[in-house]
Structure formats: structure tokens, C-alpha cells
């Protein structure tokens, strides 16, 4: 196997640096890509959608009631409980993905200073897009870095050892 001349840390750091133009030129929240760089969480979309639901409920109920902390606490309690029960369904069982998606959406929505329900779509699009960008970056960091050559082996072939060790057991009785 051929060794790569560039240290893995430098290669991954270069990929991370290449995400910065996405932030500067396209306003993509690249910090969200790092949340998912370690792996694809299929429940991330559930998390970002739950963030939209939370903000929709909060933007609807808060002005009607005239309070913020109590209704938002109740909404957070109800949604968290619902998401945890949803996680009992095997396809949604990866709970960290739900909460990573939710937290990333909330971060993007708060940074955008969303004040009405239609304005939630753009932060959702940016947060979801950034979260979905993480796994391809992780894939690139491995596939492009590691060599693809491997020694071919014939299936079922057993190779003989190159050396052998013989161990003998001698039983010696001590004379009295």
C-alpha cells in the first residue's frame, strides 16, 4: 500500500478551509457541516423540521398570549417529548441527529433574526443544506486521502506461515 505524502491532518484541515468560501460567498452556515462531518444522521431533517415547527408555534402563540418564556417552555417540552417518542420508531431512532438538526436550525434562524413564519424557509434551507454537506466532506476526506490499491487475494486461499514454532512439553519429576 502506497503511503500518502500529505499528513491526514493537513488534508482534512485543507478541506475545512475550503468550506469558508461557502460561508463568505453563499452565506452557508459552514459550522453546521462540522456537526455532521463525523457521519450522516438520517434524522437531521426531522430535527430541522422540528425547529421550523417550534418557531412557527412560538411566532403564532407568543403574540396571542403576550408571554414568551412560559409558552416557549411548554412548546419545547411538548416537542422534546414528541421527538423522543418518535425515536422509538427504528428509522428515527438516532436521537442525537434530531437534536443536532434542531440546534443547527435554531442557530441559523436566530442569526437571521426571523420574525415571521414565511421567513423560516430560508434558514431551514441553509441549515439543512449545510448539514447535508457534512457527510460528503467526510467521504472526500477519506476517499481522496487513503490509497485505493490493495493486494489482491484469491478467495478461499490460505497462505502457509513462513516460519513455525515447535513447543514441546517435558515433564520432569524432582527426585526426593
N, C-alpha and C. Protein backbone atom coordinates (compact mmCIF):
# COMPACT_ATOMS: atom_id res chain seq x y z
N UNK A 1 0.85 -1.16 0.00
CA UNK A 1 0.00 0.00 0.00
C UNK A 1 0.90 1.24 0.00
N UNK A 2 0.58 2.15 -0.87
CA UNK A 2 1.38 3.37 -1.01
C UNK A 2 0.99 4.38 0.05
N UNK A 3 1.99 4.95 0.71
CA UNK A 3 1.72 5.93 1.76
C UNK A 3 1.53 7.31 1.14
N UNK A 4 0.52 8.02 1.65
CA UNK A 4 0.24 9.36 1.17
C UNK A 4 1.28 10.32 1.74
N UNK A 5 1.79 11.21 0.91
CA UNK A 5 2.83 12.13 1.34
C UNK A 5 2.30 13.28 2.21
N UNK A 6 1.03 13.58 2.08
CA UNK A 6 0.43 14.67 2.86
C UNK A 6 -0.16 14.08 4.14
N UNK A 7 0.19 14.61 5.31
CA UNK A 7 -0.41 14.09 6.55
C UNK A 7 -1.93 14.28 6.53
N UNK A 8 -2.65 13.31 7.08
CA UNK A 8 -4.12 13.33 7.09
C UNK A 8 -4.64 14.62 7.71
N UNK A 9 -4.03 15.09 8.78
CA UNK A 9 -4.48 16.31 9.45
C UNK A 9 -4.45 17.51 8.50
N UNK A 10 -3.41 17.59 7.68
CA UNK A 10 -3.28 18.70 6.73
C UNK A 10 -4.35 18.60 5.64
N UNK A 11 -4.61 17.39 5.20
CA UNK A 11 -5.60 17.19 4.14
C UNK A 11 -6.99 17.59 4.63
N UNK A 12 -7.38 17.12 5.82
CA UNK A 12 -8.70 17.44 6.36
C UNK A 12 -8.80 18.93 6.69
N UNK A 13 -7.73 19.51 7.21
CA UNK A 13 -7.73 20.95 7.50
C UNK A 13 -7.90 21.77 6.22
N UNK A 14 -7.32 21.31 5.14
CA UNK A 14 -7.48 21.99 3.84
C UNK A 14 -8.93 21.92 3.38
N UNK A 15 -9.55 20.75 3.53
CA UNK A 15 -10.97 20.62 3.18
C UNK A 15 -11.82 21.57 4.03
N UNK A 16 -11.52 21.65 5.31
CA UNK A 16 -12.26 22.54 6.19
C UNK A 16 -12.09 24.00 5.74
N UNK A 17 -10.89 24.36 5.35
CA UNK A 17 -10.63 25.73 4.90
C UNK A 17 -11.39 26.04 3.60
N UNK A 18 -11.56 25.02 2.78
CA UNK A 18 -12.28 25.22 1.51
C UNK A 18 -13.79 25.46 1.73
N UNK A 19 -14.29 25.17 2.92
CA UNK A 19 -15.71 25.45 3.19
C UNK A 19 -15.95 26.94 3.47
N UNK A 20 -14.91 27.67 3.81
CA UNK A 20 -15.07 29.09 4.16
C UNK A 20 -15.64 29.92 3.01
N UNK A 21 -15.20 29.70 1.75
CA UNK A 21 -15.84 30.46 0.67
C UNK A 21 -17.35 30.21 0.58
N UNK A 22 -17.81 29.03 0.99
CA UNK A 22 -19.26 28.80 1.01
C UNK A 22 -19.95 29.75 1.97
N UNK A 23 -19.30 30.03 3.09
CA UNK A 23 -19.86 30.96 4.06
C UNK A 23 -19.78 32.39 3.54
N UNK A 24 -18.61 32.77 3.04
CA UNK A 24 -18.38 34.15 2.63
C UNK A 24 -19.20 34.51 1.38
N UNK A 25 -19.20 33.62 0.39
CA UNK A 25 -19.86 33.94 -0.88
C UNK A 25 -21.34 33.55 -0.92
N UNK A 26 -21.71 32.46 -0.23
CA UNK A 26 -23.09 31.98 -0.32
C UNK A 26 -23.83 32.03 1.01
N UNK A 27 -23.18 32.50 2.05
CA UNK A 27 -23.78 32.63 3.38
C UNK A 27 -24.27 31.29 3.93
N UNK A 28 -23.62 30.19 3.55
CA UNK A 28 -23.95 28.87 4.08
C UNK A 28 -23.34 28.75 5.47
N UNK A 29 -24.10 28.35 6.47
CA UNK A 29 -23.55 28.23 7.82
C UNK A 29 -22.64 27.00 7.91
N UNK A 30 -21.39 27.16 7.52
CA UNK A 30 -20.48 26.01 7.41
C UNK A 30 -20.21 25.34 8.75
N UNK A 31 -20.42 26.05 9.86
CA UNK A 31 -20.23 25.40 11.16
C UNK A 31 -21.16 24.21 11.29
N UNK A 32 -22.31 24.25 10.62
CA UNK A 32 -23.24 23.12 10.68
C UNK A 32 -22.69 21.90 9.95
N UNK A 33 -21.82 22.12 8.96
CA UNK A 33 -21.23 20.96 8.26
C UNK A 33 -20.34 20.17 9.20
N UNK A 34 -19.72 20.83 10.16
CA UNK A 34 -18.83 20.13 11.09
C UNK A 34 -19.62 19.24 12.05
N UNK A 35 -20.88 19.60 12.30
CA UNK A 35 -21.72 18.77 13.16
C UNK A 35 -21.91 17.40 12.53
N UNK A 36 -22.06 17.36 11.22
CA UNK A 36 -22.33 16.09 10.54
C UNK A 36 -21.11 15.50 9.86
N UNK A 37 -19.96 16.12 9.97
CA UNK A 37 -18.76 15.61 9.31
C UNK A 37 -18.46 14.19 9.78
N UNK A 38 -18.75 13.91 11.02
CA UNK A 38 -18.44 12.60 11.58
C UNK A 38 -19.37 11.50 11.07
N UNK A 39 -20.42 11.83 10.42
CA UNK A 39 -21.31 10.80 9.90
C UNK A 39 -22.66 11.37 9.54
N UNK A 40 -23.36 10.64 8.72
CA UNK A 40 -24.69 11.08 8.29
C UNK A 40 -25.72 10.62 9.29
N UNK A 41 -26.45 11.54 9.80
CA UNK A 41 -27.55 11.22 10.69
C UNK A 41 -28.83 11.34 9.89
N UNK A 42 -29.51 10.23 9.64
CA UNK A 42 -30.73 10.30 8.83
C UNK A 42 -31.84 11.10 9.49
N UNK A 43 -31.70 11.39 10.75
CA UNK A 43 -32.75 12.12 11.46
C UNK A 43 -32.53 13.63 11.48
N UNK A 44 -31.49 14.11 10.82
CA UNK A 44 -31.21 15.54 10.82
C UNK A 44 -32.36 16.35 10.24
N UNK A 45 -32.96 15.84 9.18
CA UNK A 45 -34.05 16.57 8.55
C UNK A 45 -35.24 16.68 9.52
N UNK A 46 -35.48 15.61 10.29
CA UNK A 46 -36.54 15.66 11.31
C UNK A 46 -36.22 16.78 12.30
N UNK A 47 -34.96 16.92 12.66
CA UNK A 47 -34.56 17.96 13.59
C UNK A 47 -34.76 19.36 13.05
N UNK A 48 -34.38 19.58 11.78
CA UNK A 48 -34.56 20.92 11.23
C UNK A 48 -36.05 21.23 11.05
N UNK A 49 -36.83 20.23 10.66
CA UNK A 49 -38.27 20.45 10.51
C UNK A 49 -38.90 20.73 11.88
N UNK A 50 -38.44 20.02 12.91
CA UNK A 50 -38.97 20.30 14.25
C UNK A 50 -38.61 21.72 14.69
N UNK A 51 -37.48 22.23 14.25
CA UNK A 51 -37.12 23.62 14.53
C UNK A 51 -38.09 24.59 13.87
N UNK A 52 -38.46 24.28 12.63
CA UNK A 52 -39.45 25.12 11.94
C UNK A 52 -40.78 25.07 12.67
N UNK A 53 -41.19 23.88 13.11
CA UNK A 53 -42.45 23.75 13.85
C UNK A 53 -42.38 24.55 15.14
N UNK A 54 -41.26 24.45 15.86
CA UNK A 54 -41.11 25.20 17.11
C UNK A 54 -41.28 26.70 16.87
N UNK A 55 -40.54 27.23 15.88
CA UNK A 55 -40.62 28.67 15.62
C UNK A 55 -42.00 29.07 15.13
N UNK A 56 -42.64 28.22 14.33
CA UNK A 56 -43.99 28.53 13.86
C UNK A 56 -44.95 28.63 15.03
N UNK A 57 -44.87 27.66 15.95
CA UNK A 57 -45.73 27.71 17.14
C UNK A 57 -45.41 28.93 18.00
N UNK A 58 -44.12 29.18 18.19
CA UNK A 58 -43.73 30.32 19.04
C UNK A 58 -44.16 31.65 18.42
N UNK A 59 -43.98 31.79 17.11
CA UNK A 59 -44.35 33.05 16.44
C UNK A 59 -45.87 33.22 16.37
N UNK A 60 -46.60 32.13 16.51
CA UNK A 60 -48.07 32.22 16.50
C UNK A 60 -48.62 32.45 17.90
N UNK A 61 -48.12 31.68 18.86
CA UNK A 61 -48.69 31.71 20.22
C UNK A 61 -48.20 32.90 21.04
N UNK A 62 -46.92 33.26 20.94
CA UNK A 62 -46.36 34.34 21.77
C UNK A 62 -47.14 35.66 21.65
N UNK A 63 -47.43 36.13 20.43
CA UNK A 63 -48.18 37.39 20.35
C UNK A 63 -49.60 37.30 20.88
N UNK A 64 -50.21 36.12 20.75
CA UNK A 64 -51.59 35.96 21.23
C UNK A 64 -51.63 36.01 22.75
N UNK A 65 -50.70 35.29 23.40
CA UNK A 65 -50.69 35.22 24.86
C UNK A 65 -50.00 36.43 25.47
N UNK A 66 -49.03 36.98 24.77
CA UNK A 66 -48.29 38.12 25.30
C UNK A 66 -47.13 37.72 26.20
N UNK A 67 -46.83 36.46 26.25
CA UNK A 67 -45.70 35.95 27.03
C UNK A 67 -44.73 35.23 26.10
N UNK A 68 -43.50 35.04 26.60
CA UNK A 68 -42.51 34.32 25.79
C UNK A 68 -42.00 33.08 26.52
N UNK A 69 -41.54 33.23 27.74
CA UNK A 69 -40.86 32.14 28.44
C UNK A 69 -41.79 30.95 28.70
N UNK A 70 -42.96 31.19 29.26
CA UNK A 70 -43.85 30.08 29.61
C UNK A 70 -44.35 29.33 28.38
N UNK A 71 -44.91 30.00 27.37
CA UNK A 71 -45.38 29.23 26.22
C UNK A 71 -44.24 28.52 25.48
N UNK A 72 -43.09 29.17 25.36
CA UNK A 72 -41.98 28.53 24.66
C UNK A 72 -41.43 27.34 25.44
N UNK A 73 -41.47 27.43 26.77
CA UNK A 73 -41.06 26.28 27.59
C UNK A 73 -42.02 25.12 27.38
N UNK A 74 -43.31 25.40 27.34
CA UNK A 74 -44.30 24.36 27.11
C UNK A 74 -44.16 23.75 25.71
N UNK A 75 -43.90 24.60 24.73
CA UNK A 75 -43.69 24.11 23.35
C UNK A 75 -42.45 23.21 23.31
N UNK A 76 -41.36 23.66 23.95
CA UNK A 76 -40.11 22.88 23.96
C UNK A 76 -40.33 21.54 24.66
N UNK A 77 -41.08 21.55 25.77
CA UNK A 77 -41.37 20.31 26.49
C UNK A 77 -42.17 19.36 25.61
N UNK A 78 -43.24 19.85 25.03
CA UNK A 78 -44.09 19.01 24.18
C UNK A 78 -43.37 18.47 22.96
N UNK A 79 -42.57 19.31 22.31
CA UNK A 79 -41.83 18.86 21.13
C UNK A 79 -40.75 17.85 21.50
N UNK A 80 -40.03 18.10 22.59
CA UNK A 80 -38.99 17.16 23.02
C UNK A 80 -39.60 15.81 23.35
N UNK A 81 -40.70 15.83 24.07
CA UNK A 81 -41.39 14.60 24.42
C UNK A 81 -41.85 13.87 23.15
N UNK A 82 -42.44 14.61 22.24
CA UNK A 82 -42.88 14.02 20.97
C UNK A 82 -41.73 13.44 20.16
N UNK A 83 -40.60 14.15 20.10
CA UNK A 83 -39.45 13.66 19.34
C UNK A 83 -38.84 12.41 19.98
N UNK A 84 -38.83 12.37 21.29
CA UNK A 84 -38.30 11.19 21.97
C UNK A 84 -39.21 9.97 21.76
N UNK A 85 -40.51 10.20 21.72
CA UNK A 85 -41.42 9.09 21.40
C UNK A 85 -41.29 8.69 19.92
N UNK A 86 -41.08 9.67 19.06
CA UNK A 86 -40.85 9.38 17.64
C UNK A 86 -39.61 8.52 17.46
N UNK A 87 -38.62 8.72 18.32
CA UNK A 87 -37.37 7.96 18.23
C UNK A 87 -37.55 6.48 18.54
N UNK A 88 -38.70 6.10 19.05
CA UNK A 88 -38.97 4.67 19.27
C UNK A 88 -39.23 3.95 17.95
N UNK A 89 -39.53 4.68 16.91
CA UNK A 89 -39.67 4.10 15.57
C UNK A 89 -38.24 3.94 15.03
N UNK A 90 -37.87 2.72 14.61
CA UNK A 90 -36.46 2.46 14.25
C UNK A 90 -35.83 3.46 13.26
N UNK A 91 -36.56 3.91 12.26
CA UNK A 91 -35.95 4.82 11.28
C UNK A 91 -35.60 6.18 11.91
N UNK A 92 -36.26 6.55 13.00
CA UNK A 92 -36.00 7.82 13.67
C UNK A 92 -35.24 7.63 14.99
N UNK A 93 -34.65 6.47 15.18
CA UNK A 93 -34.06 6.13 16.48
C UNK A 93 -32.77 6.88 16.81
N UNK A 94 -32.17 7.54 15.85
CA UNK A 94 -30.92 8.24 16.13
C UNK A 94 -31.23 9.62 16.71
N UNK A 95 -31.48 9.66 17.99
CA UNK A 95 -31.90 10.87 18.69
C UNK A 95 -30.90 12.02 18.56
N UNK A 96 -29.58 11.78 18.66
CA UNK A 96 -28.66 12.92 18.52
C UNK A 96 -28.83 13.65 17.19
N UNK A 97 -29.14 12.92 16.13
CA UNK A 97 -29.35 13.56 14.84
C UNK A 97 -30.51 14.53 14.87
N UNK A 98 -31.59 14.14 15.55
CA UNK A 98 -32.75 15.04 15.66
C UNK A 98 -32.35 16.32 16.37
N UNK A 99 -31.64 16.19 17.48
CA UNK A 99 -31.30 17.38 18.25
C UNK A 99 -30.16 18.19 17.62
N UNK A 100 -29.25 17.53 16.90
CA UNK A 100 -28.24 18.29 16.14
C UNK A 100 -28.94 19.12 15.07
N UNK A 101 -29.87 18.51 14.36
CA UNK A 101 -30.61 19.25 13.33
C UNK A 101 -31.40 20.40 13.91
N UNK A 102 -32.07 20.15 15.03
CA UNK A 102 -32.85 21.20 15.69
C UNK A 102 -31.94 22.35 16.13
N UNK A 103 -30.83 22.01 16.79
CA UNK A 103 -29.93 23.05 17.30
C UNK A 103 -29.32 23.86 16.16
N UNK A 104 -28.95 23.20 15.09
CA UNK A 104 -28.38 23.94 13.96
C UNK A 104 -29.41 24.86 13.32
N UNK A 105 -30.64 24.37 13.17
CA UNK A 105 -31.67 25.25 12.61
C UNK A 105 -31.91 26.44 13.51
N UNK A 106 -32.02 26.22 14.81
CA UNK A 106 -32.26 27.32 15.74
C UNK A 106 -31.13 28.35 15.65
N UNK A 107 -29.89 27.87 15.57
CA UNK A 107 -28.76 28.79 15.43
C UNK A 107 -28.86 29.64 14.18
N UNK A 108 -29.20 29.03 13.07
CA UNK A 108 -29.32 29.77 11.81
C UNK A 108 -30.52 30.71 11.85
N UNK A 109 -31.64 30.26 12.39
CA UNK A 109 -32.84 31.11 12.46
C UNK A 109 -32.62 32.31 13.38
N UNK A 110 -31.94 32.08 14.50
CA UNK A 110 -31.66 33.21 15.40
C UNK A 110 -30.68 34.19 14.77
N UNK A 111 -29.70 33.68 14.06
CA UNK A 111 -28.75 34.57 13.39
C UNK A 111 -29.45 35.38 12.29
N UNK A 112 -30.46 34.80 11.67
CA UNK A 112 -31.21 35.50 10.62
C UNK A 112 -32.25 36.47 11.19
N UNK A 113 -32.45 36.40 12.50
CA UNK A 113 -33.43 37.26 13.18
C UNK A 113 -34.83 37.13 12.55
N UNK A 114 -35.26 35.89 12.44
CA UNK A 114 -36.57 35.60 11.85
C UNK A 114 -37.67 36.17 12.74
N UNK A 115 -38.61 36.87 12.11
CA UNK A 115 -39.69 37.47 12.90
C UNK A 115 -41.07 37.08 12.38
N UNK A 116 -41.13 36.32 11.28
CA UNK A 116 -42.44 35.86 10.80
C UNK A 116 -42.30 34.46 10.21
N UNK A 117 -43.41 33.78 10.08
CA UNK A 117 -43.41 32.38 9.67
C UNK A 117 -42.86 32.16 8.25
N UNK A 118 -43.23 32.95 7.24
CA UNK A 118 -42.67 32.70 5.91
C UNK A 118 -41.15 32.86 5.85
N UNK A 119 -40.60 33.66 6.75
CA UNK A 119 -39.14 33.88 6.76
C UNK A 119 -38.38 32.68 7.31
N UNK A 120 -39.07 31.64 7.80
CA UNK A 120 -38.40 30.45 8.33
C UNK A 120 -37.84 29.55 7.24
N UNK A 121 -38.35 29.67 6.02
CA UNK A 121 -37.94 28.76 4.95
C UNK A 121 -36.46 28.91 4.59
N UNK A 122 -35.98 30.12 4.46
CA UNK A 122 -34.59 30.33 4.05
C UNK A 122 -33.61 29.81 5.10
N UNK A 123 -33.79 30.10 6.39
CA UNK A 123 -32.88 29.50 7.37
C UNK A 123 -32.96 27.96 7.37
N UNK A 124 -34.16 27.41 7.16
CA UNK A 124 -34.30 25.96 7.10
C UNK A 124 -33.50 25.41 5.92
N UNK A 125 -33.61 26.07 4.79
CA UNK A 125 -32.89 25.63 3.59
C UNK A 125 -31.38 25.69 3.81
N UNK A 126 -30.90 26.78 4.40
CA UNK A 126 -29.46 26.91 4.66
C UNK A 126 -28.97 25.90 5.69
N UNK A 127 -29.70 25.74 6.78
CA UNK A 127 -29.27 24.80 7.82
C UNK A 127 -29.29 23.37 7.30
N UNK A 128 -30.35 22.98 6.61
CA UNK A 128 -30.45 21.62 6.08
C UNK A 128 -29.38 21.37 5.04
N UNK A 129 -29.16 22.34 4.16
CA UNK A 129 -28.11 22.19 3.14
C UNK A 129 -26.73 22.04 3.76
N UNK A 130 -26.45 22.84 4.77
CA UNK A 130 -25.15 22.75 5.43
C UNK A 130 -24.98 21.42 6.15
N UNK A 131 -26.04 20.95 6.80
CA UNK A 131 -25.97 19.66 7.48
C UNK A 131 -25.76 18.52 6.50
N UNK A 132 -26.38 18.61 5.35
CA UNK A 132 -26.22 17.56 4.34
C UNK A 132 -24.88 17.63 3.63
N UNK A 133 -24.19 18.75 3.76
CA UNK A 133 -22.87 18.89 3.15
C UNK A 133 -21.78 18.19 3.97
N UNK A 134 -22.00 17.99 5.26
CA UNK A 134 -21.00 17.36 6.12
C UNK A 134 -20.60 15.95 5.70
N UNK A 135 -21.56 15.04 5.48
CA UNK A 135 -21.17 13.67 5.10
C UNK A 135 -20.37 13.58 3.79
N UNK A 136 -20.72 14.34 2.74
CA UNK A 136 -19.85 14.27 1.55
C UNK A 136 -18.43 14.77 1.83
N UNK A 137 -18.31 15.79 2.67
CA UNK A 137 -16.97 16.25 3.03
C UNK A 137 -16.20 15.18 3.80
N UNK A 138 -16.89 14.47 4.67
CA UNK A 138 -16.25 13.37 5.40
C UNK A 138 -15.82 12.28 4.43
N UNK A 139 -16.67 11.97 3.48
CA UNK A 139 -16.36 10.96 2.48
C UNK A 139 -15.13 11.37 1.66
N UNK A 140 -15.11 12.62 1.20
CA UNK A 140 -13.97 13.12 0.43
C UNK A 140 -12.69 13.06 1.26
N UNK A 141 -12.80 13.40 2.54
CA UNK A 141 -11.60 13.40 3.38
C UNK A 141 -11.00 12.01 3.53
N UNK A 142 -11.80 10.98 3.38
CA UNK A 142 -11.29 9.62 3.48
C UNK A 142 -10.93 9.06 2.11
N UNK A 143 -11.84 9.15 1.16
CA UNK A 143 -11.64 8.53 -0.15
C UNK A 143 -10.48 9.14 -0.91
N UNK A 144 -10.37 10.45 -0.88
CA UNK A 144 -9.30 11.09 -1.65
C UNK A 144 -7.96 10.98 -0.94
N UNK A 145 -7.98 10.73 0.34
CA UNK A 145 -6.72 10.68 1.08
C UNK A 145 -6.12 9.29 1.11
N UNK A 146 -6.93 8.30 1.41
CA UNK A 146 -6.41 6.94 1.56
C UNK A 146 -6.15 6.31 0.20
N UNK A 147 -5.06 5.56 0.08
CA UNK A 147 -4.79 4.90 -1.20
C UNK A 147 -5.84 3.83 -1.48
N UNK A 148 -6.12 3.64 -2.76
CA UNK A 148 -7.16 2.67 -3.12
C UNK A 148 -6.58 1.32 -3.53
N UNK A 149 -5.27 1.22 -3.61
CA UNK A 149 -4.66 -0.04 -4.01
C UNK A 149 -4.60 -1.00 -2.84
N UNK A 150 -4.97 -2.24 -3.11
CA UNK A 150 -4.89 -3.28 -2.11
C UNK A 150 -4.37 -4.53 -2.78
N UNK A 151 -3.69 -5.36 -2.02
CA UNK A 151 -3.17 -6.59 -2.60
C UNK A 151 -4.32 -7.53 -2.89
N UNK A 152 -4.41 -8.00 -4.16
CA UNK A 152 -5.50 -8.92 -4.48
C UNK A 152 -5.25 -10.28 -3.84
N UNK A 153 -6.31 -10.87 -3.35
CA UNK A 153 -6.23 -12.19 -2.76
C UNK A 153 -7.24 -13.09 -3.43
N UNK A 154 -6.85 -14.34 -3.60
CA UNK A 154 -7.76 -15.31 -4.18
C UNK A 154 -8.70 -15.77 -3.08
N UNK A 155 -10.01 -15.71 -3.33
CA UNK A 155 -10.95 -16.14 -2.29
C UNK A 155 -10.73 -17.61 -1.92
N UNK A 156 -10.72 -17.91 -0.67
CA UNK A 156 -10.58 -19.28 -0.20
C UNK A 156 -9.14 -19.76 -0.10
N UNK A 157 -8.20 -18.94 -0.53
CA UNK A 157 -6.80 -19.35 -0.49
C UNK A 157 -6.24 -19.08 0.90
N UNK A 158 -5.60 -20.08 1.45
CA UNK A 158 -4.98 -19.95 2.76
C UNK A 158 -3.48 -19.95 2.55
N UNK A 159 -2.83 -18.93 3.07
CA UNK A 159 -1.38 -18.86 2.91
C UNK A 159 -0.70 -19.54 4.08
N UNK A 160 0.31 -20.32 3.74
CA UNK A 160 1.06 -21.03 4.78
C UNK A 160 1.95 -20.06 5.53
N UNK A 161 2.14 -20.30 6.81
CA UNK A 161 3.03 -19.41 7.57
C UNK A 161 4.46 -19.55 7.07
N UNK A 162 5.22 -18.48 7.18
CA UNK A 162 6.60 -18.50 6.70
C UNK A 162 7.55 -19.13 7.70
N UNK A 163 7.17 -19.23 8.92
CA UNK A 163 8.01 -19.89 9.92
C UNK A 163 7.11 -20.63 10.89
N UNK A 164 7.70 -21.57 11.56
CA UNK A 164 6.90 -22.31 12.52
C UNK A 164 7.66 -22.41 13.83
N UNK A 165 6.91 -22.57 14.87
CA UNK A 165 7.49 -22.69 16.19
C UNK A 165 7.01 -24.02 16.76
N UNK A 166 7.96 -24.82 17.25
CA UNK A 166 7.60 -26.10 17.85
C UNK A 166 7.80 -25.97 19.35
N UNK A 167 6.78 -26.30 20.06
CA UNK A 167 6.84 -26.23 21.52
C UNK A 167 6.67 -27.64 22.04
N UNK A 168 7.60 -28.07 22.86
CA UNK A 168 7.49 -29.39 23.47
C UNK A 168 7.30 -29.24 24.95
N UNK A 169 6.57 -30.13 25.49
CA UNK A 169 6.32 -30.10 26.92
C UNK A 169 7.06 -31.27 27.55
N UNK A 170 7.94 -30.97 28.43
CA UNK A 170 8.65 -32.04 29.13
C UNK A 170 8.22 -32.01 30.57
N UNK A 171 7.96 -33.18 31.04
CA UNK A 171 7.51 -33.27 32.41
C UNK A 171 8.70 -33.82 33.21
N UNK A 172 9.17 -33.08 34.11
CA UNK A 172 10.28 -33.55 34.90
C UNK A 172 9.83 -33.70 36.35
N UNK A 173 10.18 -34.80 36.91
CA UNK A 173 9.85 -35.04 38.30
C UNK A 173 11.10 -34.84 39.13
N UNK A 174 10.97 -34.12 40.14
CA UNK A 174 12.11 -33.87 41.01
C UNK A 174 12.28 -35.07 41.93
N UNK A 175 13.50 -35.53 42.03
CA UNK A 175 13.78 -36.69 42.89
C UNK A 175 13.88 -36.23 44.33
N UNK A 176 13.33 -37.02 45.19
CA UNK A 176 13.41 -36.69 46.61
C UNK A 176 14.64 -37.26 47.21
